[in-house]
């Protein structure tokens, strides 16, 4: 059985996944999520062997769980 997609269905915006459910984040999303500035995040992503950077071509994404772990281990209260 084949399902047809109407024009109205094709025009719907895709549902947005909440940031806390995403596997990877853009730098902008990571900045919003962590309240760390974009420039600081860029510097952190350039660290040698950064545990939370994922390269997709030239694009850098932030692995959310590894980023959370890194922050929890490095934050001093």
Protein backbone atom coordinates (compact mmCIF):
# COMPACT_ATOMS: atom_id res chain seq x y z
CA UNK A 1 0.00 0.00 0.00
CA UNK A 2 1.33 3.42 -0.95
CA UNK A 3 0.73 6.54 1.13
CA UNK A 4 0.27 9.78 -0.74
CA UNK A 5 1.49 13.03 0.76
CA UNK A 6 -0.75 15.96 0.04
CA UNK A 7 0.57 19.45 -0.69
CA UNK A 8 -0.77 20.59 2.65
CA UNK A 9 1.28 17.93 4.50
CA UNK A 10 4.41 18.85 2.54
CA UNK A 11 4.07 22.52 3.55
CA UNK A 12 3.99 21.81 7.29
CA UNK A 13 7.07 22.83 9.22
CA UNK A 14 8.93 19.87 10.68
CA UNK A 15 8.48 19.41 14.41
CA UNK A 16 11.30 20.90 16.44
CA UNK A 17 13.24 18.62 18.75
CA UNK A 18 13.99 20.23 22.13
CA UNK A 19 17.69 20.98 22.67
CA UNK A 20 17.92 18.65 25.68
CA UNK A 21 16.82 15.71 23.47
CA UNK A 22 19.25 16.32 20.59
CA UNK A 23 22.35 14.18 20.15
CA UNK A 24 24.37 17.00 18.61
CA UNK A 25 24.05 20.76 18.86
CA UNK A 26 25.16 23.60 16.65
CA UNK A 27 27.55 26.05 18.28
CA UNK A 28 24.70 28.53 18.65
CA UNK A 29 22.47 25.92 20.33
CA UNK A 30 25.32 24.86 22.64
CA UNK A 31 25.88 28.50 23.59
CA UNK A 32 22.20 28.95 24.39
CA UNK A 33 22.05 25.63 26.25
CA UNK A 34 25.13 26.27 28.41
CA UNK A 35 25.10 30.07 28.66
CA UNK A 36 28.69 30.08 27.36
CA UNK A 37 29.57 32.59 24.66
CA UNK A 38 30.01 31.52 21.05
CA UNK A 39 33.62 32.73 20.92
CA UNK A 40 34.51 30.78 24.07
CA UNK A 41 32.85 27.67 22.65
CA UNK A 42 34.79 28.05 19.40
CA UNK A 43 38.02 28.16 21.44
CA UNK A 44 36.97 25.10 23.43
CA UNK A 45 36.20 23.18 20.23
CA UNK A 46 39.72 23.95 18.94
CA UNK A 47 41.33 22.27 21.97
CA UNK A 48 43.48 19.27 21.03
CA UNK A 49 41.46 16.08 21.45
CA UNK A 50 38.33 17.96 22.41
CA UNK A 51 35.98 15.20 23.64
CA UNK A 52 32.76 16.85 22.51
CA UNK A 53 33.48 18.08 18.98
CA UNK A 54 32.09 16.28 15.94
CA UNK A 55 33.27 17.32 12.50
CA UNK A 56 30.82 17.01 9.62
CA UNK A 57 32.93 18.20 6.74
CA UNK A 58 34.10 21.65 7.83
CA UNK A 59 31.12 22.11 10.14
CA UNK A 60 31.65 21.61 13.87
CA UNK A 61 28.88 20.15 16.01
CA UNK A 62 28.83 19.68 19.77
CA UNK A 63 28.12 16.21 21.17
CA UNK A 64 25.60 17.16 23.85
CA UNK A 65 26.18 14.34 26.38
CA UNK A 66 29.98 14.62 26.17
CA UNK A 67 29.68 18.41 26.47
CA UNK A 68 27.51 18.05 29.59
CA UNK A 69 30.01 15.58 31.08
CA UNK A 70 32.93 17.90 30.31
CA UNK A 71 31.15 20.82 31.96
CA UNK A 72 30.20 18.86 35.06
CA UNK A 73 33.80 17.63 35.48
CA UNK A 74 35.43 21.03 34.96
CA UNK A 75 33.05 23.37 36.79
CA UNK A 76 34.33 24.34 40.19
CA UNK A 77 31.68 25.36 42.69
